[in-house]
Amino acid sequence: MKHFQASLKPLGAMVLWLCLLFSVGCSAEFFVDKGHIDVIRGVEFEIKAPYLYEKKAFNLRAENLSAWQLQQISDAMPTIAAFTNSVLANDTRPIAHAKRDSKVRSIRQLQHIDQKTFLAVKTLQNWQVTEGQIQFTTDYFYTGPNGQFVYFRDNYVFQKLQHQWVFERHAQPQPEGLLQCEKPQLGWRQCAPIV
């Protein structure tokens, strides 16, 4: 009887472990970020895939934007997020290269970043929204040769044509370039162009 009770404890532990493993709390689905709906001044932003991380990078709360301006950005968000993802050029498949607009500056070429280096978006900010036009800057980052993060800023203008938002041009003839970033004790990392 003692032998049976001794083997029952490990069996019970294993059954409990399997129950936990297959429960909702331990399933792989639990750890996948499915996004959310964000509401700013009554305007909804669908922060979901595709391009979840690009959408998360939209800095809207710190900007002084009206509900009308926020609605314009909300309408353009899917297009701007897809555009931002294509600028990152982390996808090496030939079809991805064909989709890129030739008017868009390549950060990889400007900074001499090889394709193996993962380029990411940090923040989309400095929003200027008028009737039919959205202008903003995007801060990117990547790991430099010494293992340090390198931050880079470029500027963009989107225009509404036939009820669709499209990239029109860069707001300035040159990108704002490399950034010096500092993190204060309280608050988010602040970045400014290196002069």
N, C-alpha and C. Protein backbone atom coordinates (compact mmCIF):
# COMPACT_ATOMS: atom_id res chain seq x y z
N MET A 1 0.83 -1.19 0.00
CA MET A 1 0.00 0.00 0.00
C MET A 1 0.87 1.25 0.00
N LYS A 2 2.00 1.21 0.76
CA LYS A 2 2.89 2.37 0.81
C LYS A 2 3.49 2.64 -0.55
N HIS A 3 3.80 1.58 -1.29
CA HIS A 3 4.38 1.74 -2.62
C HIS A 3 3.38 2.41 -3.56
N PHE A 4 2.10 2.02 -3.45
CA PHE A 4 1.05 2.61 -4.27
C PHE A 4 0.89 4.09 -3.94
N GLN A 5 0.87 4.46 -2.65
CA GLN A 5 0.74 5.86 -2.24
C GLN A 5 1.95 6.68 -2.67
N ALA A 6 3.13 6.10 -2.62
CA ALA A 6 4.35 6.81 -3.02
C ALA A 6 4.34 7.11 -4.52
N SER A 7 3.81 6.20 -5.32
CA SER A 7 3.76 6.45 -6.77
C SER A 7 2.59 7.34 -7.15
N LEU A 8 1.60 7.46 -6.27
CA LEU A 8 0.44 8.31 -6.53
C LEU A 8 0.82 9.79 -6.49
N LYS A 9 1.74 10.18 -5.62
CA LYS A 9 2.15 11.59 -5.52
C LYS A 9 2.78 12.09 -6.82
N PRO A 10 3.76 11.38 -7.39
CA PRO A 10 4.33 11.86 -8.66
C PRO A 10 3.31 11.85 -9.79
N LEU A 11 2.42 10.86 -9.79
CA LEU A 11 1.39 10.79 -10.82
C LEU A 11 0.44 11.98 -10.69
N GLY A 12 0.06 12.31 -9.47
CA GLY A 12 -0.82 13.46 -9.23
C GLY A 12 -0.15 14.76 -9.64
N ALA A 13 1.14 14.89 -9.33
CA ALA A 13 1.88 16.09 -9.72
C ALA A 13 1.95 16.22 -11.24
N MET A 14 2.15 15.07 -11.92
CA MET A 14 2.23 15.10 -13.37
C MET A 14 0.88 15.46 -13.99
N VAL A 15 -0.21 14.94 -13.47
CA VAL A 15 -1.55 15.27 -13.96
C VAL A 15 -1.83 16.75 -13.74
N LEU A 16 -1.48 17.26 -12.57
CA LEU A 16 -1.67 18.68 -12.28
C LEU A 16 -0.85 19.54 -13.24
N TRP A 17 0.39 19.15 -13.48
CA TRP A 17 1.26 19.89 -14.40
C TRP A 17 0.67 19.90 -15.81
N LEU A 18 0.15 18.73 -16.28
CA LEU A 18 -0.47 18.66 -17.61
C LEU A 18 -1.72 19.52 -17.69
N CYS A 19 -2.51 19.54 -16.63
CA CYS A 19 -3.71 20.38 -16.60
C CYS A 19 -3.32 21.85 -16.73
N LEU A 20 -2.30 22.25 -16.00
CA LEU A 20 -1.84 23.64 -16.09
C LEU A 20 -1.29 23.96 -17.47
N LEU A 21 -0.56 23.02 -18.04
CA LEU A 21 0.05 23.23 -19.34
C LEU A 21 -1.00 23.48 -20.42
N PHE A 22 -2.08 22.73 -20.36
CA PHE A 22 -3.11 22.86 -21.40
C PHE A 22 -4.24 23.81 -21.02
N SER A 23 -4.13 24.44 -19.89
CA SER A 23 -5.16 25.42 -19.51
C SER A 23 -4.91 26.71 -20.28
N VAL A 24 -5.91 27.59 -20.28
CA VAL A 24 -5.80 28.88 -20.98
C VAL A 24 -4.63 29.69 -20.44
N GLY A 25 -4.40 29.62 -19.15
CA GLY A 25 -3.34 30.41 -18.53
C GLY A 25 -1.95 30.02 -18.96
N CYS A 26 -1.74 28.81 -19.41
CA CYS A 26 -0.41 28.36 -19.80
C CYS A 26 -0.29 28.07 -21.29
N SER A 27 -1.32 28.30 -22.05
CA SER A 27 -1.21 28.01 -23.48
C SER A 27 -0.36 29.06 -24.16
N ALA A 28 0.20 28.71 -25.29
CA ALA A 28 1.04 29.65 -26.04
C ALA A 28 0.24 30.86 -26.46
N GLU A 29 -1.04 30.67 -26.69
CA GLU A 29 -1.91 31.77 -27.10
C GLU A 29 -1.93 32.87 -26.04
N PHE A 30 -1.79 32.50 -24.79
CA PHE A 30 -1.81 33.48 -23.70
C PHE A 30 -0.66 34.47 -23.83
N PHE A 31 0.46 34.03 -24.36
CA PHE A 31 1.65 34.88 -24.43
C PHE A 31 1.74 35.69 -25.71
N VAL A 32 0.81 35.51 -26.63
CA VAL A 32 0.82 36.25 -27.89
C VAL A 32 0.10 37.58 -27.69
N ASP A 33 0.75 38.67 -28.10
CA ASP A 33 0.15 40.00 -27.99
C ASP A 33 -0.85 40.16 -29.12
N LYS A 34 -2.12 40.15 -28.78
CA LYS A 34 -3.17 40.26 -29.78
C LYS A 34 -3.59 41.71 -30.00
N GLY A 35 -2.93 42.63 -29.29
CA GLY A 35 -3.25 44.04 -29.47
C GLY A 35 -4.43 44.48 -28.63
N HIS A 36 -4.88 45.69 -28.91
CA HIS A 36 -5.98 46.27 -28.15
C HIS A 36 -6.54 47.47 -28.90
N ILE A 37 -7.62 48.01 -28.39
CA ILE A 37 -8.19 49.25 -28.90
C ILE A 37 -7.80 50.34 -27.90
N ASP A 38 -7.17 51.40 -28.39
CA ASP A 38 -6.79 52.53 -27.55
C ASP A 38 -7.73 53.68 -27.88
N VAL A 39 -8.17 54.39 -26.86
CA VAL A 39 -9.06 55.54 -27.06
C VAL A 39 -8.39 56.78 -26.52
N ILE A 40 -8.22 57.78 -27.39
CA ILE A 40 -7.62 59.05 -27.02
C ILE A 40 -8.58 60.15 -27.40
N ARG A 41 -9.04 60.91 -26.41
CA ARG A 41 -10.00 62.00 -26.62
C ARG A 41 -11.22 61.55 -27.43
N GLY A 42 -11.68 60.35 -27.14
CA GLY A 42 -12.87 59.81 -27.78
C GLY A 42 -12.63 59.18 -29.14
N VAL A 43 -11.39 59.19 -29.62
CA VAL A 43 -11.06 58.60 -30.93
C VAL A 43 -10.42 57.24 -30.72
N GLU A 44 -10.94 56.22 -31.42
CA GLU A 44 -10.43 54.87 -31.27
C GLU A 44 -9.26 54.61 -32.22
N PHE A 45 -8.25 53.92 -31.69
CA PHE A 45 -7.10 53.48 -32.46
C PHE A 45 -7.00 51.98 -32.29
N GLU A 46 -7.04 51.25 -33.40
CA GLU A 46 -6.96 49.80 -33.37
C GLU A 46 -5.49 49.39 -33.41
N ILE A 47 -4.94 49.10 -32.25
CA ILE A 47 -3.52 48.73 -32.12
C ILE A 47 -3.44 47.20 -32.18
N LYS A 48 -3.59 46.68 -33.39
CA LYS A 48 -3.61 45.23 -33.61
C LYS A 48 -2.79 44.90 -34.84
N ALA A 49 -2.47 43.61 -34.99
CA ALA A 49 -1.79 43.14 -36.20
C ALA A 49 -2.70 43.38 -37.40
N PRO A 50 -2.18 43.61 -38.59
CA PRO A 50 -0.76 43.57 -38.93
C PRO A 50 -0.05 44.85 -38.49
N TYR A 51 1.25 44.77 -38.39
CA TYR A 51 2.12 45.89 -38.02
C TYR A 51 1.82 46.40 -36.62
N LEU A 52 1.64 45.47 -35.70
CA LEU A 52 1.32 45.79 -34.31
C LEU A 52 2.37 46.69 -33.68
N TYR A 53 3.65 46.37 -33.85
CA TYR A 53 4.70 47.14 -33.17
C TYR A 53 4.83 48.54 -33.76
N GLU A 54 4.61 48.69 -35.05
CA GLU A 54 4.64 50.02 -35.65
C GLU A 54 3.49 50.87 -35.12
N LYS A 55 2.32 50.26 -34.95
CA LYS A 55 1.16 50.99 -34.41
C LYS A 55 1.39 51.37 -32.95
N LYS A 56 2.07 50.50 -32.19
CA LYS A 56 2.38 50.81 -30.80
C LYS A 56 3.34 52.00 -30.69
N ALA A 57 4.11 52.26 -31.75
CA ALA A 57 5.11 53.34 -31.73
C ALA A 57 4.50 54.72 -31.97
N PHE A 58 3.22 54.79 -32.35
CA PHE A 58 2.58 56.09 -32.55
C PHE A 58 2.51 56.83 -31.21
N ASN A 59 3.17 57.98 -31.13
CA ASN A 59 3.14 58.80 -29.92
C ASN A 59 2.06 59.86 -30.11
N LEU A 60 0.90 59.64 -29.51
CA LEU A 60 -0.23 60.54 -29.71
C LEU A 60 -0.68 61.26 -28.44
N ARG A 61 -0.46 60.64 -27.30
CA ARG A 61 -0.92 61.24 -26.04
C ARG A 61 -0.13 62.48 -25.67
N ALA A 62 1.16 62.51 -26.01
CA ALA A 62 2.00 63.65 -25.63
C ALA A 62 1.84 64.83 -26.58
N GLU A 63 1.13 64.65 -27.68
CA GLU A 63 0.98 65.70 -28.68
C GLU A 63 -0.30 66.50 -28.40
N ASN A 64 -0.29 67.74 -28.82
CA ASN A 64 -1.46 68.61 -28.65
C ASN A 64 -2.30 68.53 -29.92
N LEU A 65 -3.12 67.48 -30.01
CA LEU A 65 -3.92 67.23 -31.20
C LEU A 65 -5.40 67.26 -30.86
N SER A 66 -6.19 67.83 -31.76
CA SER A 66 -7.64 67.88 -31.57
C SER A 66 -8.24 66.51 -31.90
N ALA A 67 -9.50 66.32 -31.53
CA ALA A 67 -10.18 65.06 -31.83
C ALA A 67 -10.25 64.86 -33.35
N TRP A 68 -10.44 65.93 -34.11
CA TRP A 68 -10.49 65.83 -35.57
C TRP A 68 -9.13 65.36 -36.12
N GLN A 69 -8.05 65.93 -35.62
CA GLN A 69 -6.71 65.53 -36.07
C GLN A 69 -6.43 64.07 -35.69
N LEU A 70 -6.80 63.68 -34.48
CA LEU A 70 -6.62 62.30 -34.05
C LEU A 70 -7.41 61.34 -34.95
N GLN A 71 -8.62 61.75 -35.36
CA GLN A 71 -9.42 60.90 -36.25
C GLN A 71 -8.73 60.71 -37.60
N GLN A 72 -8.10 61.77 -38.12
CA GLN A 72 -7.37 61.66 -39.38
C GLN A 72 -6.21 60.67 -39.23
N ILE A 73 -5.49 60.77 -38.13
CA ILE A 73 -4.37 59.84 -37.88
C ILE A 73 -4.88 58.41 -37.71
N SER A 74 -6.01 58.25 -37.02
CA SER A 74 -6.61 56.93 -36.84
C SER A 74 -6.95 56.31 -38.19
N ASP A 75 -7.51 57.11 -39.10
CA ASP A 75 -7.87 56.62 -40.43
C ASP A 75 -6.61 56.23 -41.22
N ALA A 76 -5.53 56.98 -41.03
CA ALA A 76 -4.29 56.75 -41.78
C ALA A 76 -3.38 55.71 -41.11
N MET A 77 -3.67 55.35 -39.87
CA MET A 77 -2.76 54.48 -39.11
C MET A 77 -2.40 53.18 -39.85
N PRO A 78 -3.34 52.43 -40.42
CA PRO A 78 -2.94 51.19 -41.09
C PRO A 78 -1.94 51.43 -42.23
N THR A 79 -2.16 52.48 -43.01
CA THR A 79 -1.27 52.79 -44.13
C THR A 79 0.09 53.25 -43.64
N ILE A 80 0.12 54.11 -42.63
CA ILE A 80 1.40 54.61 -42.10
C ILE A 80 2.18 53.47 -41.44
N ALA A 81 1.48 52.58 -40.74
CA ALA A 81 2.16 51.44 -40.09
C ALA A 81 2.76 50.50 -41.14
N ALA A 82 2.03 50.21 -42.21
CA ALA A 82 2.55 49.36 -43.28
C ALA A 82 3.74 50.02 -43.96
N PHE A 83 3.64 51.32 -44.19
CA PHE A 83 4.73 52.08 -44.80
C PHE A 83 5.98 52.01 -43.91
N THR A 84 5.80 52.25 -42.62
CA THR A 84 6.91 52.23 -41.67
C THR A 84 7.58 50.86 -41.66
N ASN A 85 6.77 49.81 -41.70
CA ASN A 85 7.32 48.46 -41.75
C ASN A 85 8.16 48.26 -43.01
N SER A 86 7.72 48.79 -44.14
CA SER A 86 8.48 48.62 -45.38
C SER A 86 9.78 49.42 -45.35
N VAL A 87 9.79 50.58 -44.66
CA VAL A 87 11.01 51.38 -44.54
C VAL A 87 12.06 50.62 -43.73
N LEU A 88 11.63 49.84 -42.75
CA LEU A 88 12.56 49.05 -41.94
C LEU A 88 13.35 48.07 -42.80
N ALA A 89 12.73 47.58 -43.85
CA ALA A 89 13.38 46.66 -44.80
C ALA A 89 14.02 45.47 -44.10
N ASN A 90 13.34 44.92 -43.09
CA ASN A 90 13.83 43.74 -42.41
C ASN A 90 13.48 42.46 -43.17
N ASP A 91 12.58 42.58 -44.13
CA ASP A 91 12.16 41.43 -44.93
C ASP A 91 13.04 41.36 -46.17
N THR A 92 13.72 40.26 -46.37
CA THR A 92 14.67 40.14 -47.48
C THR A 92 14.05 39.47 -48.71
N ARG A 93 12.78 39.11 -48.63
CA ARG A 93 12.16 38.45 -49.79
C ARG A 93 12.06 39.43 -50.96
N PRO A 94 12.24 38.99 -52.20
CA PRO A 94 12.19 39.89 -53.36
C PRO A 94 10.88 40.65 -53.48
N ILE A 95 9.75 40.04 -53.11
CA ILE A 95 8.47 40.72 -53.22
C ILE A 95 8.42 41.95 -52.32
N ALA A 96 9.09 41.90 -51.17
CA ALA A 96 9.11 43.04 -50.25
C ALA A 96 9.85 44.21 -50.88
N HIS A 97 10.95 43.95 -51.60
CA HIS A 97 11.70 45.02 -52.24
C HIS A 97 10.87 45.67 -53.34
N ALA A 98 10.07 44.89 -54.04
CA ALA A 98 9.27 45.42 -55.14
C ALA A 98 8.19 46.37 -54.64
N LYS A 99 7.73 46.21 -53.41
CA LYS A 99 6.65 47.04 -52.87
C LYS A 99 7.13 48.40 -52.38
N ARG A 100 8.44 48.59 -52.22
CA ARG A 100 8.96 49.83 -51.67
C ARG A 100 8.89 50.95 -52.69
N ASP A 101 8.50 52.15 -52.23
CA ASP A 101 8.39 53.33 -53.08
C ASP A 101 9.79 53.90 -53.31
N SER A 102 10.13 54.16 -54.55
CA SER A 102 11.48 54.66 -54.86
C SER A 102 11.71 56.08 -54.37
N LYS A 103 10.64 56.83 -54.03
CA LYS A 103 10.79 58.19 -53.51
C LYS A 103 11.20 58.20 -52.04
N VAL A 104 11.09 57.06 -51.39
CA VAL A 104 11.38 56.98 -49.95
C VAL A 104 12.87 56.74 -49.73
N ARG A 105 13.47 57.55 -48.86
CA ARG A 105 14.88 57.36 -48.53
C ARG A 105 15.07 56.05 -47.80
N SER A 106 16.15 55.37 -48.10
CA SER A 106 16.48 54.11 -47.43
C SER A 106 17.42 54.40 -46.27
N ILE A 107 16.96 54.14 -45.07
CA ILE A 107 17.80 54.34 -43.88
C ILE A 107 18.98 53.38 -43.93
N ARG A 108 18.75 52.18 -44.42
CA ARG A 108 19.84 51.21 -44.53
C ARG A 108 20.96 51.74 -45.42
N GLN A 109 20.61 52.38 -46.54
CA GLN A 109 21.64 52.93 -47.42
C GLN A 109 22.29 54.17 -46.80
N LEU A 110 21.48 55.05 -46.22
CA LEU A 110 22.02 56.28 -45.61
C LEU A 110 22.99 55.97 -44.48
N GLN A 111 22.69 54.96 -43.68
CA GLN A 111 23.50 54.63 -42.51
C GLN A 111 24.46 53.46 -42.76
N HIS A 112 24.42 52.93 -43.97
CA HIS A 112 25.28 51.79 -44.32
C HIS A 112 25.04 50.60 -43.37
N ILE A 113 23.75 50.28 -43.19
CA ILE A 113 23.35 49.17 -42.32
C ILE A 113 23.17 47.94 -43.20
N ASP A 114 23.85 46.86 -42.86
CA ASP A 114 23.69 45.65 -43.67
C ASP A 114 22.35 44.99 -43.37
N GLN A 115 21.96 44.09 -44.26
CA GLN A 115 20.64 43.46 -44.15
C GLN A 115 20.51 42.57 -42.92
N LYS A 116 21.62 42.10 -42.36
CA LYS A 116 21.57 41.24 -41.18
C LYS A 116 21.22 42.01 -39.92
N THR A 117 21.43 43.33 -39.93
CA THR A 117 21.14 44.15 -38.75
C THR A 117 19.66 44.44 -38.69
N PHE A 118 19.07 44.14 -37.53
CA PHE A 118 17.63 44.37 -37.35
C PHE A 118 17.39 45.84 -37.06
N LEU A 119 16.60 46.49 -37.88
CA LEU A 119 16.22 47.89 -37.73
C LEU A 119 14.80 47.93 -37.16
N ALA A 120 14.59 48.78 -36.16
CA ALA A 120 13.27 48.85 -35.51
C ALA A 120 12.80 50.29 -35.42
N VAL A 121 11.51 50.45 -35.23
CA VAL A 121 10.93 51.77 -35.05
C VAL A 121 10.78 52.03 -33.55
N LYS A 122 11.16 53.23 -33.12
CA LYS A 122 11.02 53.61 -31.71
C LYS A 122 9.76 54.43 -31.53
N THR A 123 9.62 55.53 -32.30
CA THR A 123 8.50 56.45 -32.10
C THR A 123 8.12 57.15 -33.40
N LEU A 124 6.83 57.30 -33.62
CA LEU A 124 6.30 58.19 -34.65
C LEU A 124 5.71 59.37 -33.89
N GLN A 125 6.15 60.59 -34.23
CA GLN A 125 5.78 61.75 -33.41
C GLN A 125 5.83 63.04 -34.23
N ASN A 126 5.72 64.17 -33.53
CA ASN A 126 5.76 65.51 -34.15
C ASN A 126 4.70 65.63 -35.24
N TRP A 127 3.49 65.24 -34.89
CA TRP A 127 2.38 65.21 -35.85
C TRP A 127 1.93 66.61 -36.21
N GLN A 128 1.74 66.85 -37.50
CA GLN A 128 1.12 68.06 -38.01
C GLN A 128 0.03 67.61 -38.98
N VAL A 129 -1.21 67.89 -38.63
CA VAL A 129 -2.34 67.38 -39.41
C VAL A 129 -3.16 68.55 -39.92
N THR A 130 -3.33 68.61 -41.23
CA THR A 130 -4.20 69.60 -41.85
C THR A 130 -5.17 68.85 -42.76
N GLU A 131 -6.07 69.57 -43.39
CA GLU A 131 -7.04 68.95 -44.29
C GLU A 131 -6.31 68.21 -45.40
N GLY A 132 -6.41 66.90 -45.42
CA GLY A 132 -5.84 66.09 -46.49
C GLY A 132 -4.35 65.84 -46.40
N GLN A 133 -3.70 66.20 -45.28
CA GLN A 133 -2.26 65.99 -45.18
C GLN A 133 -1.84 65.69 -43.74
N ILE A 134 -0.93 64.74 -43.59
CA ILE A 134 -0.36 64.39 -42.28
C ILE A 134 1.15 64.38 -42.43
N GLN A 135 1.81 65.13 -41.54
CA GLN A 135 3.26 65.18 -41.52
C GLN A 135 3.73 64.70 -40.15
N PHE A 136 4.85 63.96 -40.12
CA PHE A 136 5.36 63.43 -38.86
C PHE A 136 6.82 63.05 -39.02
N THR A 137 7.46 62.76 -37.88
CA THR A 137 8.82 62.22 -37.91
C THR A 137 8.79 60.82 -37.30
N THR A 138 9.77 60.02 -37.70
CA THR A 138 9.90 58.67 -37.16
C THR A 138 11.32 58.47 -36.65
N ASP A 139 11.42 57.99 -35.42
CA ASP A 139 12.71 57.64 -34.83
C ASP A 139 12.90 56.13 -34.98
N TYR A 140 14.03 55.75 -35.54
CA TYR A 140 14.39 54.35 -35.73
C TYR A 140 15.59 54.04 -34.84
N PHE A 141 15.84 52.76 -34.59
CA PHE A 141 17.06 52.40 -33.87
C PHE A 141 17.55 51.03 -34.34
N TYR A 142 18.85 50.84 -34.16
CA TYR A 142 19.49 49.57 -34.47
C TYR A 142 20.72 49.45 -33.59
N THR A 143 21.28 48.25 -33.53
CA THR A 143 22.47 48.03 -32.74
C THR A 143 23.69 48.30 -33.60
N GLY A 144 24.54 49.22 -33.13
CA GLY A 144 25.75 49.60 -33.85
C GLY A 144 26.85 48.56 -33.70
N PRO A 145 27.98 48.79 -34.35
CA PRO A 145 29.07 47.81 -34.34
C PRO A 145 29.66 47.55 -32.95
N ASN A 146 29.54 48.49 -32.03
CA ASN A 146 30.07 48.30 -30.68
C ASN A 146 29.01 47.81 -29.69
N GLY A 147 27.85 47.42 -30.22
CA GLY A 147 26.78 46.92 -29.36
C GLY A 147 25.90 48.00 -28.77
N GLN A 148 26.17 49.26 -29.05
CA GLN A 148 25.35 50.36 -28.54
C GLN A 148 24.17 50.61 -29.49
N PHE A 149 23.09 51.17 -28.97
CA PHE A 149 21.96 51.52 -29.82
C PHE A 149 22.27 52.81 -30.57
N VAL A 150 21.91 52.83 -31.85
CA VAL A 150 22.04 54.02 -32.69
C VAL A 150 20.63 54.45 -33.05
N TYR A 151 20.32 55.74 -32.85
CA TYR A 151 19.00 56.28 -33.13
C TYR A 151 19.10 57.22 -34.33
N PHE A 152 18.06 57.17 -35.19
CA PHE A 152 18.06 57.94 -36.43
C PHE A 152 16.64 58.44 -36.68
N ARG A 153 16.49 59.69 -37.15
CA ARG A 153 15.16 60.29 -37.39
C ARG A 153 15.02 60.73 -38.83
N ASP A 154 13.84 60.43 -39.40
CA ASP A 154 13.50 60.92 -40.73
C ASP A 154 12.08 61.50 -40.68
N ASN A 155 11.71 62.21 -41.75
CA ASN A 155 10.43 62.93 -41.78
C ASN A 155 9.62 62.53 -43.00
N TYR A 156 8.30 62.59 -42.86
CA TYR A 156 7.41 62.09 -43.91
C TYR A 156 6.16 62.95 -44.01
N VAL A 157 5.59 62.98 -45.21
CA VAL A 157 4.30 63.63 -45.46
C VAL A 157 3.41 62.64 -46.19
N PHE A 158 2.21 62.44 -45.66
CA PHE A 158 1.19 61.63 -46.32
C PHE A 158 0.06 62.54 -46.78
N GLN A 159 -0.51 62.19 -47.91
CA GLN A 159 -1.60 62.98 -48.48
C GLN A 159 -2.79 62.06 -48.72
N LYS A 160 -3.98 62.63 -48.59
CA LYS A 160 -5.19 61.85 -48.85
C LYS A 160 -5.59 62.05 -50.31
N LEU A 161 -5.55 60.96 -51.06
CA LEU A 161 -5.93 60.97 -52.47
C LEU A 161 -7.02 59.94 -52.69
N GLN A 162 -8.14 60.37 -53.23
CA GLN A 162 -9.27 59.48 -53.51
C GLN A 162 -9.61 58.62 -52.30
N HIS A 163 -9.74 59.27 -51.16
CA HIS A 163 -10.16 58.64 -49.90
C HIS A 163 -9.13 57.65 -49.34
N GLN A 164 -7.87 57.72 -49.81
CA GLN A 164 -6.82 56.85 -49.29
C GLN A 164 -5.60 57.68 -48.93
N TRP A 165 -4.95 57.30 -47.82
CA TRP A 165 -3.72 57.96 -47.41
C TRP A 165 -2.54 57.32 -48.12
N VAL A 166 -1.68 58.16 -48.73
CA VAL A 166 -0.51 57.66 -49.44
C VAL A 166 0.70 58.54 -49.10
N PHE A 167 1.89 57.93 -49.16
CA PHE A 167 3.12 58.69 -48.98
C PHE A 167 3.24 59.67 -50.13
N GLU A 168 3.48 60.96 -49.80
CA GLU A 168 3.63 61.98 -50.84
C GLU A 168 5.09 62.33 -51.05
N ARG A 169 5.78 62.65 -49.93
CA ARG A 169 7.16 63.11 -50.03
C ARG A 169 7.76 63.15 -48.63
N HIS A 170 9.05 63.44 -48.58
CA HIS A 170 9.69 63.73 -47.30
C HIS A 170 9.44 65.20 -47.00
N ALA A 171 9.21 65.52 -45.73
CA ALA A 171 8.93 66.90 -45.33
C ALA A 171 10.15 67.80 -45.53
N GLN A 172 11.33 67.27 -45.35
CA GLN A 172 12.58 68.02 -45.51
C GLN A 172 13.45 67.30 -46.55
N PRO A 173 14.30 68.06 -47.27
CA PRO A 173 15.15 67.41 -48.27
C PRO A 173 16.14 66.40 -47.68
N GLN A 174 16.47 66.55 -46.42
CA GLN A 174 17.40 65.63 -45.74
C GLN A 174 16.73 65.09 -44.48
N PRO A 175 17.10 63.87 -44.08
CA PRO A 175 16.59 63.37 -42.79
C PRO A 175 17.19 64.18 -41.65
N GLU A 176 16.56 64.15 -40.50
CA GLU A 176 17.12 64.84 -39.33
C GLU A 176 18.37 64.14 -38.85
N GLY A 177 18.52 62.87 -39.19
CA GLY A 177 19.77 62.15 -38.97
C GLY A 177 19.91 61.50 -37.61
N LEU A 178 21.17 61.35 -37.22
CA LEU A 178 21.49 60.69 -35.95
C LEU A 178 20.96 61.48 -34.77
N LEU A 179 20.56 60.74 -33.74
CA LEU A 179 19.99 61.37 -32.54
C LEU A 179 20.85 61.08 -31.33
N GLN A 180 20.86 62.04 -30.41
CA GLN A 180 21.47 61.86 -29.09
C GLN A 180 20.30 61.61 -28.14
N CYS A 181 20.29 60.47 -27.50
CA CYS A 181 19.17 60.12 -26.62
C CYS A 181 19.63 60.01 -25.18
N GLU A 182 18.82 60.57 -24.29
CA GLU A 182 19.08 60.49 -22.85
C GLU A 182 17.81 60.11 -22.14
N LYS A 183 17.95 59.30 -21.12
CA LYS A 183 16.80 58.92 -20.32
C LYS A 183 16.87 59.60 -18.96
N PRO A 184 15.94 60.51 -18.70
CA PRO A 184 15.91 61.12 -17.36
C PRO A 184 15.50 60.09 -16.32
N GLN A 185 15.72 60.41 -15.05
CA GLN A 185 15.35 59.46 -13.99
C GLN A 185 13.87 59.14 -14.03
N LEU A 186 13.05 60.15 -14.29
CA LEU A 186 11.61 59.95 -14.41
C LEU A 186 11.20 60.26 -15.84
N GLY A 187 10.47 59.36 -16.46
CA GLY A 187 9.96 59.63 -17.79
C GLY A 187 10.63 58.81 -18.87
N TRP A 188 10.20 59.09 -20.11
CA TRP A 188 10.66 58.36 -21.28
C TRP A 188 11.98 58.91 -21.79
N ARG A 189 12.68 58.10 -22.55
CA ARG A 189 13.93 58.50 -23.21
C ARG A 189 13.64 59.65 -24.16
N GLN A 190 14.43 60.71 -24.09
CA GLN A 190 14.28 61.87 -24.94
C GLN A 190 15.41 61.89 -25.97
N CYS A 191 15.05 62.11 -27.24
CA CYS A 191 16.03 62.12 -28.32
C CYS A 191 15.99 63.44 -29.06
N ALA A 192 17.15 63.96 -29.41
CA ALA A 192 17.26 65.19 -30.19
C ALA A 192 18.35 65.00 -31.24
N PRO A 193 18.18 65.64 -32.42
CA PRO A 193 19.20 65.49 -33.46
C PRO A 193 20.57 65.98 -32.98
N ILE A 194 21.62 65.27 -33.40
CA ILE A 194 22.99 65.69 -33.12
C ILE A 194 23.32 66.82 -34.07
N VAL A 195 23.73 67.93 -33.53
CA VAL A 195 24.02 69.11 -34.36
C VAL A 195 25.48 69.16 -34.72
